[in-house]
């Protein structure tokens, strides 16, 4: 199941479900307002595989220990978007484009998704000046 994080529109879960993708929002699961480690634990208690879809690019950096401890699977939408997109359109487009891949992402992995592809998440290097 794709679980849409609070930082993304809850409509995204509805759109994905209408397209036949099992998806729910954090809000619809009654987990709104919880810290990320609490969300990982609660999702682990659901008894079915899940992938948290988030635009929080700092989540893996801030919570990698909790992600690993919970065996959480995370799909991070890259925040760097093309100029012709509004931010919300960007997140929506990338999520719809890769939902089938996100759903089959290796359990316990963290990947970053862009319009052009996806790869294992790594912290970004600071840009050279």
Protein backbone atom coordinates (compact mmCIF):
# COMPACT_ATOMS: atom_id res chain seq x y z
CA UNK A 1 0.00 0.00 0.00
CA UNK A 2 1.20 3.51 -0.79
CA UNK A 3 0.82 5.78 2.24
CA UNK A 4 0.75 9.46 1.34
CA UNK A 5 2.56 11.58 3.93
CA UNK A 6 1.03 14.70 5.49
CA UNK A 7 3.25 17.01 3.44
CA UNK A 8 1.42 15.90 0.28
CA UNK A 9 -2.21 16.42 -0.66
CA UNK A 10 -4.63 13.79 0.64
CA UNK A 11 -6.26 13.95 -2.82
CA UNK A 12 -3.23 12.14 -4.16
CA UNK A 13 -4.24 8.98 -2.28
CA UNK A 14 -7.76 9.25 -3.69
CA UNK A 15 -6.46 9.71 -7.25
CA UNK A 16 -4.13 6.73 -6.94
CA UNK A 17 -6.91 4.54 -5.51
CA UNK A 18 -9.17 5.49 -8.43
CA UNK A 19 -6.40 4.31 -10.76
CA UNK A 20 -6.35 0.93 -9.01
CA UNK A 21 -3.29 1.58 -6.84
CA UNK A 22 -3.77 0.69 -3.17
CA UNK A 23 -3.19 4.04 -1.47
CA UNK A 24 -4.24 5.84 1.69
CA UNK A 25 -3.26 9.11 3.30
CA UNK A 26 -1.75 9.45 6.76
CA UNK A 27 -4.91 11.37 7.72
CA UNK A 28 -7.27 8.60 6.56
CA UNK A 29 -5.31 6.12 8.67
CA UNK A 30 -5.77 8.30 11.77
CA UNK A 31 -2.05 9.05 12.06
CA UNK A 32 -2.11 12.81 11.49
CA UNK A 33 0.17 14.79 13.79
CA UNK A 34 2.34 11.87 14.88
CA UNK A 35 6.13 12.07 14.70
CA UNK A 36 7.61 10.02 11.88
CA UNK A 37 8.92 7.19 14.13
CA UNK A 38 5.42 6.81 15.59
CA UNK A 39 4.01 6.64 12.06
CA UNK A 40 6.54 3.93 11.09
CA UNK A 41 5.54 1.85 14.13
CA UNK A 42 1.80 2.31 13.52
CA UNK A 43 2.13 1.34 9.86
CA UNK A 44 4.14 -1.72 10.83
CA UNK A 45 1.20 -2.82 12.98
CA UNK A 46 -1.17 -2.78 9.98
CA UNK A 47 0.10 -6.18 8.91
CA UNK A 48 0.57 -5.35 5.24
CA UNK A 49 3.52 -4.03 3.24
CA UNK A 50 3.59 -0.25 2.86
CA UNK A 51 5.60 2.48 1.23
CA UNK A 52 5.51 5.98 2.69
CA UNK A 53 5.44 8.53 -0.15
CA UNK A 54 6.78 11.86 1.06
CA UNK A 55 8.10 15.19 -0.14
CA UNK A 56 10.07 15.56 3.09
CA UNK A 57 13.56 15.24 1.65
CA UNK A 58 15.04 15.46 5.16
CA UNK A 59 13.05 12.48 6.51
CA UNK A 60 15.71 9.87 5.73
CA UNK A 61 18.47 12.06 7.10
CA UNK A 62 16.57 12.89 10.29
CA UNK A 63 15.06 9.45 10.93
CA UNK A 64 17.26 6.81 9.23
CA UNK A 65 17.70 4.90 12.50
CA UNK A 66 13.94 4.76 13.06
CA UNK A 67 13.33 3.84 9.41
CA UNK A 68 15.76 0.94 9.67
CA UNK A 69 14.45 -0.19 13.08
CA UNK A 70 10.87 -0.26 11.80
CA UNK A 71 11.81 -1.78 8.44
CA UNK A 72 9.96 1.12 6.81
CA UNK A 73 9.99 1.58 3.05
CA UNK A 74 10.17 5.22 1.95
CA UNK A 75 9.75 6.92 -1.44
CA UNK A 76 11.01 10.52 -1.37
CA UNK A 77 9.84 12.88 -4.11
CA UNK A 78 12.73 15.12 -5.10
CA UNK A 79 11.92 18.75 -4.32
CA UNK A 80 13.93 20.11 -7.26
CA UNK A 81 11.30 20.59 -9.92
CA UNK A 82 11.21 21.90 -13.46
CA UNK A 83 10.34 25.59 -13.76
CA UNK A 84 7.14 24.93 -15.70
CA UNK A 85 5.64 23.02 -12.76
CA UNK A 86 3.96 24.35 -9.67
CA UNK A 87 5.33 22.49 -6.65
CA UNK A 88 2.06 20.61 -6.03
CA UNK A 89 1.85 19.63 -9.70
CA UNK A 90 5.41 18.34 -9.55
CA UNK A 91 4.75 16.08 -6.56
CA UNK A 92 1.53 14.82 -8.14
CA UNK A 93 3.16 14.11 -11.52
CA UNK A 94 6.18 12.30 -10.11
CA UNK A 95 4.02 10.21 -7.76
CA UNK A 96 1.61 9.15 -10.52
CA UNK A 97 4.48 8.47 -12.92
CA UNK A 98 6.30 6.13 -10.52
CA UNK A 99 3.48 4.71 -8.34
CA UNK A 100 3.84 1.25 -9.89
CA UNK A 101 7.57 1.23 -9.09
CA UNK A 102 7.10 2.67 -5.59
CA UNK A 103 4.61 -0.06 -4.75
CA UNK A 104 7.18 -2.72 -5.67
CA UNK A 105 10.14 -0.99 -4.02
CA UNK A 106 12.30 -3.34 -1.97
CA UNK A 107 11.01 -3.52 1.62
CA UNK A 108 13.10 -1.46 4.01
CA UNK A 109 14.64 0.67 1.27
CA UNK A 110 14.63 4.43 0.77
CA UNK A 111 14.53 5.79 -2.80
CA UNK A 112 14.44 9.28 -4.30
CA UNK A 113 12.13 9.85 -7.29
CA UNK A 114 12.30 12.51 -10.00
CA UNK A 115 10.46 12.92 -13.29
CA UNK A 116 13.29 11.13 -15.07
CA UNK A 117 13.98 8.23 -12.75
CA UNK A 118 14.65 6.92 -9.29
CA UNK A 119 17.56 5.65 -7.27
CA UNK A 120 18.55 4.75 -3.77
CA UNK A 121 18.36 7.79 -1.50
CA UNK A 122 21.65 9.39 -0.45
CA UNK A 123 22.25 12.70 1.31
CA UNK A 124 22.87 15.48 -1.17
CA UNK A 125 26.25 17.08 -1.40
CA UNK A 126 26.39 20.78 -0.84
CA UNK A 127 26.71 22.63 -4.14
CA UNK A 128 30.15 23.96 -4.97
CA UNK A 129 30.56 27.70 -5.00
